[in-house]
Amino acid sequence: MIAASPETGAKRPPIPPRPWTNTRIFGNALMALWIVAGVSLVWYLGTSVASPFFQKYWPKYIDGFLVTLQIVSLSLVLGMILSVPVAFARSSSWKIFSAPAYAFVYFFRGTPLLAQTFLIYYGAGSFRPELEAVGLWGFFREAFNCVIFAFSLNTSAYQAEILRGSVQNVAKGQWEGAAALGLSKPVTFFKIILPQALMVALRPYGNEIILMIKGSAIASIVTIYDIMGETRRAYSRSYDFQAYIWAAVIYLMIVETLRRIWDKIEDRLTRHLKR
């Protein structure tokens, strides 16, 4: 609130009351509806903890959570390793490197993850004799390996673009200043450019992790018993709709926990940029 004027001593007049327009009434009614829905959901889940369904299937949900964690973790790590050479190839001025990298990124970012998983899981069977000849059929025979392979390729394409865009976002003056100090390009990149680029990439990387967690539900379609796989199995045996409610709650808790952890990491690494 603004203090009284030192010249006239007059106080600021009170703010007139806001009229109850149709928009304001609709907004308040919608907010009240969301609050009632949230309270109802919490009450329903609280009362369902003692239900026979929860008592019977909650160990299966834990097993599915561990499988989901394995899929997402392995895919992100392998995708991160693969994204580095892809990002360098995309930034290369040589067409022999940039063209294949562009085609790779274009395909895996432009097609659905579900289609990519099907192409690898079902398509590998069409080339069984060839894969057996080179000793790779044992790998592609397992659904878990196919899922990791498909997810890793998909996330590597996104991570490569995140890394490339972050590096290009660093001002060229950083390179010129390092060259004036006599620093070599590798030292300049790893000691000066890359740390700044990673700070820029923190938020996009966090979004990619969240998208991978939610996208991992696709693995259940190819007989992987992750969270969604266990949910489908529980529903097929019980026909209890709360199976999907608990799955949604678990995914929401994972995403929210990760979001808060990532915000803490970002605040920690960028604290010197805040005023």
Protein backbone atom coordinates (compact mmCIF):
# COMPACT_ATOMS: atom_id res chain seq x y z
CA MET A 1 0.00 0.00 0.00
CA ILE A 2 1.33 3.49 -0.91
CA ALA A 3 2.11 5.76 2.07
CA ALA A 4 0.70 9.24 2.51
CA SER A 5 2.14 11.97 0.29
CA PRO A 6 4.82 13.99 2.16
CA GLU A 7 3.59 17.18 0.47
CA THR A 8 -0.16 17.07 0.97
CA GLY A 9 -0.49 14.40 3.63
CA ALA A 10 -3.37 12.87 1.67
CA LYS A 11 -3.73 9.12 1.80
CA ARG A 12 -4.33 6.92 -1.15
CA PRO A 13 -8.06 6.32 -1.64
CA PRO A 14 -9.28 2.80 -0.97
CA ILE A 15 -9.48 0.40 -3.88
CA PRO A 16 -13.09 0.11 -5.06
CA PRO A 17 -14.62 -3.36 -4.63
CA ARG A 18 -14.40 -5.62 -7.67
CA PRO A 19 -17.75 -6.26 -9.29
CA TRP A 20 -19.01 -9.85 -9.55
CA THR A 21 -18.91 -10.24 -13.31
CA ASN A 22 -19.91 -13.40 -15.11
CA THR A 23 -16.24 -14.24 -15.68
CA ARG A 24 -15.40 -13.87 -12.01
CA ILE A 25 -18.40 -15.96 -10.95
CA PHE A 26 -17.47 -18.70 -13.42
CA GLY A 27 -13.83 -18.67 -12.26
CA ASN A 28 -14.76 -18.98 -8.59
CA ALA A 29 -17.28 -21.72 -9.33
CA LEU A 30 -14.69 -23.62 -11.34
CA MET A 31 -12.12 -23.28 -8.56
CA ALA A 32 -14.66 -24.51 -6.00
CA LEU A 33 -15.40 -27.47 -8.25
CA TRP A 34 -11.71 -28.37 -8.44
CA ILE A 35 -11.38 -28.11 -4.66
CA VAL A 36 -14.37 -30.39 -4.13
CA ALA A 37 -13.01 -32.87 -6.69
CA GLY A 38 -9.58 -32.85 -5.02
CA VAL A 39 -11.01 -33.38 -1.54
CA SER A 40 -13.26 -36.16 -2.85
CA LEU A 41 -10.33 -37.89 -4.52
CA VAL A 42 -8.23 -37.73 -1.36
CA TRP A 43 -11.15 -39.08 0.69
CA TYR A 44 -11.73 -41.88 -1.81
CA LEU A 45 -8.07 -42.91 -1.84
CA GLY A 46 -7.91 -42.76 1.93
CA THR A 47 -10.86 -45.07 2.31
CA SER A 48 -9.56 -47.37 -0.44
CA VAL A 49 -6.31 -48.12 1.39
CA ALA A 50 -8.12 -50.71 3.47
CA SER A 51 -9.94 -52.20 0.48
CA PRO A 52 -9.21 -55.80 -0.62
CA PHE A 53 -8.00 -54.52 -4.00
CA PHE A 54 -5.28 -52.32 -2.48
CA GLN A 55 -4.19 -54.96 0.00
CA LYS A 56 -3.86 -57.52 -2.77
CA TYR A 57 -2.22 -55.50 -5.53
CA TRP A 58 -0.06 -52.85 -3.84
CA PRO A 59 3.04 -55.15 -3.89
CA LYS A 60 2.54 -55.49 -7.66
CA TYR A 61 2.48 -51.71 -8.02
CA ILE A 62 5.80 -51.52 -6.19
CA ASP A 63 7.27 -54.09 -8.57
CA GLY A 64 5.93 -52.08 -11.50
CA PHE A 65 7.44 -48.91 -10.08
CA LEU A 66 10.87 -50.55 -9.90
CA VAL A 67 10.57 -51.74 -13.51
CA THR A 68 9.55 -48.24 -14.62
CA LEU A 69 12.52 -46.80 -12.74
CA GLN A 70 14.88 -49.22 -14.50
CA ILE A 71 13.47 -48.45 -17.94
CA VAL A 72 13.59 -44.68 -17.53
CA SER A 73 17.03 -44.62 -15.87
CA LEU A 74 18.72 -46.89 -18.41
CA SER A 75 17.10 -45.13 -21.35
CA LEU A 76 18.09 -41.67 -20.14
CA VAL A 77 21.70 -42.65 -19.42
CA LEU A 78 22.16 -44.45 -22.74
CA GLY A 79 20.38 -41.64 -24.55
CA MET A 80 22.63 -39.07 -22.91
CA ILE A 81 25.75 -40.96 -24.02
CA LEU A 82 24.45 -41.26 -27.58
CA SER A 83 23.27 -37.65 -27.74
CA VAL A 84 26.78 -36.22 -27.43
CA PRO A 85 28.14 -37.52 -30.78
CA VAL A 86 24.78 -36.83 -32.44
CA ALA A 87 24.84 -33.22 -31.24
CA PHE A 88 28.41 -32.76 -32.47
CA ALA A 89 27.50 -34.30 -35.83
CA ARG A 90 24.46 -32.00 -36.13
CA SER A 91 26.69 -28.99 -35.52
CA SER A 92 29.34 -30.11 -38.01
CA SER A 93 29.81 -28.18 -41.25
CA TRP A 94 30.57 -31.45 -43.05
CA LYS A 95 27.47 -32.87 -44.71
CA ILE A 96 28.77 -36.41 -44.32
CA PHE A 97 28.26 -36.02 -40.56
CA SER A 98 25.44 -33.48 -40.28
CA ALA A 99 23.08 -35.09 -42.84
CA PRO A 100 22.81 -38.53 -41.14
CA ALA A 101 22.53 -36.86 -37.73
CA TYR A 102 19.76 -34.60 -39.02
CA ALA A 103 17.91 -37.60 -40.49
CA PHE A 104 18.26 -39.47 -37.18
CA VAL A 105 16.91 -36.57 -35.13
CA TYR A 106 14.17 -35.81 -37.66
CA PHE A 107 12.89 -39.39 -37.63
CA PHE A 108 12.90 -40.02 -33.89
CA ARG A 109 11.44 -36.60 -33.03
CA GLY A 110 8.88 -36.70 -35.83
CA THR A 111 7.38 -40.15 -35.24
CA PRO A 112 5.48 -41.44 -32.18
CA LEU A 113 7.40 -43.37 -29.55
CA LEU A 114 4.74 -46.08 -29.77
CA ALA A 115 5.43 -46.61 -33.49
CA GLN A 116 9.18 -46.72 -32.85
CA THR A 117 8.72 -49.34 -30.14
CA PHE A 118 6.53 -51.46 -32.40
CA LEU A 119 9.01 -51.17 -35.27
CA ILE A 120 11.81 -52.51 -33.10
CA TYR A 121 9.84 -55.08 -31.08
CA TYR A 122 7.77 -56.57 -33.90
CA GLY A 123 10.11 -55.66 -36.73
CA ALA A 124 13.03 -57.54 -35.21
CA GLY A 125 11.13 -60.80 -35.62
CA SER A 126 10.94 -60.24 -39.37
CA PHE A 127 14.72 -60.25 -39.53
CA ARG A 128 15.31 -63.17 -37.19
CA PRO A 129 17.59 -65.14 -39.58
CA GLU A 130 19.77 -62.09 -40.20
CA LEU A 131 19.93 -61.24 -36.50
CA GLU A 132 20.78 -64.82 -35.62
CA ALA A 133 23.56 -64.75 -38.21
CA VAL A 134 25.21 -61.78 -36.48
CA GLY A 135 24.41 -63.00 -32.95
CA LEU A 136 21.91 -60.24 -32.06
CA TRP A 137 18.70 -62.26 -31.91
CA GLY A 138 19.25 -63.03 -28.23
CA PHE A 139 19.12 -59.30 -27.55
CA PHE A 140 16.09 -58.40 -29.67
CA ARG A 141 14.18 -61.48 -28.51
CA GLU A 142 13.63 -59.90 -25.11
CA ALA A 143 10.89 -57.27 -24.88
CA PHE A 144 12.76 -55.39 -22.14
CA ASN A 145 15.81 -54.96 -24.38
CA CYS A 146 13.68 -53.75 -27.28
CA VAL A 147 12.01 -51.17 -25.06
CA ILE A 148 15.33 -49.89 -23.73
CA PHE A 149 16.70 -49.72 -27.28
CA ALA A 150 13.69 -47.81 -28.63
CA PHE A 151 13.46 -45.43 -25.67
CA SER A 152 17.20 -44.72 -25.74
CA LEU A 153 17.14 -43.80 -29.42
CA ASN A 154 14.09 -41.60 -28.93
CA THR A 155 15.43 -39.65 -25.96
CA SER A 156 18.89 -39.34 -27.53
CA ALA A 157 17.36 -37.40 -30.43
CA TYR A 158 15.68 -34.96 -28.03
CA GLN A 159 18.71 -34.66 -25.78
CA ALA A 160 20.97 -34.04 -28.78
CA GLU A 161 18.85 -31.07 -29.80
CA ILE A 162 18.77 -29.79 -26.23
CA LEU A 163 22.55 -30.02 -25.98
CA ARG A 164 23.14 -28.48 -29.41
CA GLY A 165 20.78 -25.59 -28.75
CA SER A 166 22.30 -24.93 -25.33
CA VAL A 167 25.83 -24.82 -26.70
CA GLN A 168 24.78 -22.48 -29.49
CA ASN A 169 23.06 -20.27 -26.92
CA VAL A 170 26.42 -19.42 -25.32
CA ALA A 171 27.74 -16.16 -26.73
CA LYS A 172 30.54 -16.43 -29.29
CA GLY A 173 32.46 -13.91 -27.25
CA GLN A 174 33.21 -16.70 -24.78
CA TRP A 175 35.14 -18.55 -27.48
CA GLU A 176 36.94 -15.38 -28.56
CA GLY A 177 37.86 -14.45 -24.99
CA ALA A 178 39.25 -17.92 -24.32
CA ALA A 179 41.24 -17.81 -27.55
CA ALA A 180 42.69 -14.44 -26.51
CA LEU A 181 43.89 -16.08 -23.28
CA GLY A 182 45.59 -18.81 -25.28
CA LEU A 183 43.23 -21.63 -24.27
CA SER A 184 42.75 -24.53 -26.67
CA LYS A 185 39.33 -25.33 -28.08
CA PRO A 186 38.85 -28.57 -26.07
CA VAL A 187 39.74 -26.77 -22.84
CA THR A 188 37.47 -23.88 -23.77
CA PHE A 189 34.57 -26.19 -24.50
CA PHE A 190 34.78 -28.39 -21.40
CA LYS A 191 35.81 -25.69 -18.91
CA ILE A 192 33.89 -22.65 -20.15
CA ILE A 193 31.22 -23.41 -22.75
CA LEU A 194 29.82 -26.71 -21.49
CA PRO A 195 29.13 -25.58 -17.88
CA GLN A 196 27.19 -22.58 -19.15
CA ALA A 197 25.34 -24.69 -21.70
CA LEU A 198 24.30 -27.22 -19.06
CA MET A 199 22.78 -24.47 -16.93
CA VAL A 200 20.73 -23.37 -19.93
CA ALA A 201 19.73 -26.99 -20.58
CA LEU A 202 18.62 -27.76 -17.02
CA ARG A 203 14.94 -26.99 -17.56
CA PRO A 204 14.65 -28.75 -20.96
CA TYR A 205 16.44 -31.79 -19.53
CA GLY A 206 14.00 -31.88 -16.64
CA ASN A 207 11.07 -31.73 -19.04
CA GLU A 208 12.56 -34.58 -21.08
CA ILE A 209 12.88 -36.76 -17.98
CA ILE A 210 9.25 -36.11 -17.07
CA LEU A 211 8.14 -36.92 -20.61
CA MET A 212 10.11 -40.17 -20.50
CA ILE A 213 8.46 -41.16 -17.22
CA LYS A 214 5.00 -40.65 -18.66
CA GLY A 215 5.96 -42.16 -22.01
CA SER A 216 7.31 -45.28 -20.32
CA ALA A 217 3.71 -46.48 -20.00
CA ILE A 218 4.03 -47.56 -23.64
CA ALA A 219 6.23 -50.43 -22.47
CA SER A 220 3.17 -52.17 -21.04
CA ILE A 221 1.83 -52.74 -24.56
CA VAL A 222 4.77 -55.03 -25.38
CA THR A 223 4.33 -57.27 -22.32
CA ILE A 224 6.50 -55.27 -19.90
CA TYR A 225 5.02 -55.20 -16.41
CA ASP A 226 5.86 -51.66 -15.40
CA ILE A 227 3.37 -49.50 -13.50
CA MET A 228 0.88 -49.45 -16.35
CA GLY A 229 1.50 -53.11 -17.11
CA GLU A 230 0.68 -54.10 -13.55
CA THR A 231 -2.33 -51.79 -13.67
CA ARG A 232 -3.70 -53.47 -16.78
CA ARG A 233 -3.15 -56.90 -15.25
CA ALA A 234 -4.84 -55.89 -11.99
CA TYR A 235 -7.84 -54.47 -13.85
CA SER A 236 -8.15 -57.54 -16.08
CA ARG A 237 -8.41 -59.71 -12.95
CA SER A 238 -10.55 -57.51 -10.74
CA TYR A 239 -12.45 -55.18 -13.12
CA ASP A 240 -12.01 -52.54 -10.43
CA PHE A 241 -11.60 -49.06 -11.92
CA GLN A 242 -9.53 -47.87 -8.97
CA ALA A 243 -6.62 -49.74 -10.55
CA TYR A 244 -6.20 -46.87 -13.01
CA ILE A 245 -6.80 -44.25 -10.34
CA TRP A 246 -3.90 -45.62 -8.30
CA ALA A 247 -1.73 -45.72 -11.44
CA ALA A 248 -2.49 -42.06 -12.12
CA VAL A 249 -1.69 -41.16 -8.51
CA ILE A 250 1.64 -43.03 -8.65
CA TYR A 251 2.68 -41.29 -11.87
CA LEU A 252 1.61 -37.94 -10.41
CA MET A 253 3.66 -38.53 -7.26
CA ILE A 254 6.74 -39.52 -9.31
CA VAL A 255 6.49 -36.47 -11.55
CA GLU A 256 5.84 -34.07 -8.67
CA THR A 257 8.74 -35.47 -6.62
CA LEU A 258 11.07 -35.22 -9.59
CA ARG A 259 9.89 -31.68 -10.34
CA ARG A 260 10.64 -30.52 -6.82
CA ILE A 261 14.06 -32.21 -6.80
CA TRP A 262 14.91 -30.69 -10.17
CA ASP A 263 13.84 -27.23 -8.95
CA LYS A 264 16.19 -27.61 -5.98
CA ILE A 265 19.04 -28.65 -8.27
CA GLU A 266 18.37 -25.73 -10.60
CA ASP A 267 18.20 -23.25 -7.72
CA ARG A 268 21.47 -24.62 -6.36
CA LEU A 269 23.37 -24.46 -9.65
CA THR A 270 22.04 -21.05 -10.69
CA ARG A 271 22.18 -19.30 -7.32
CA HIS A 272 25.01 -17.06 -8.53
CA LEU A 273 22.74 -15.69 -11.28
CA LYS A 274 20.08 -14.42 -8.87
CA ARG A 275 20.10 -10.92 -7.50
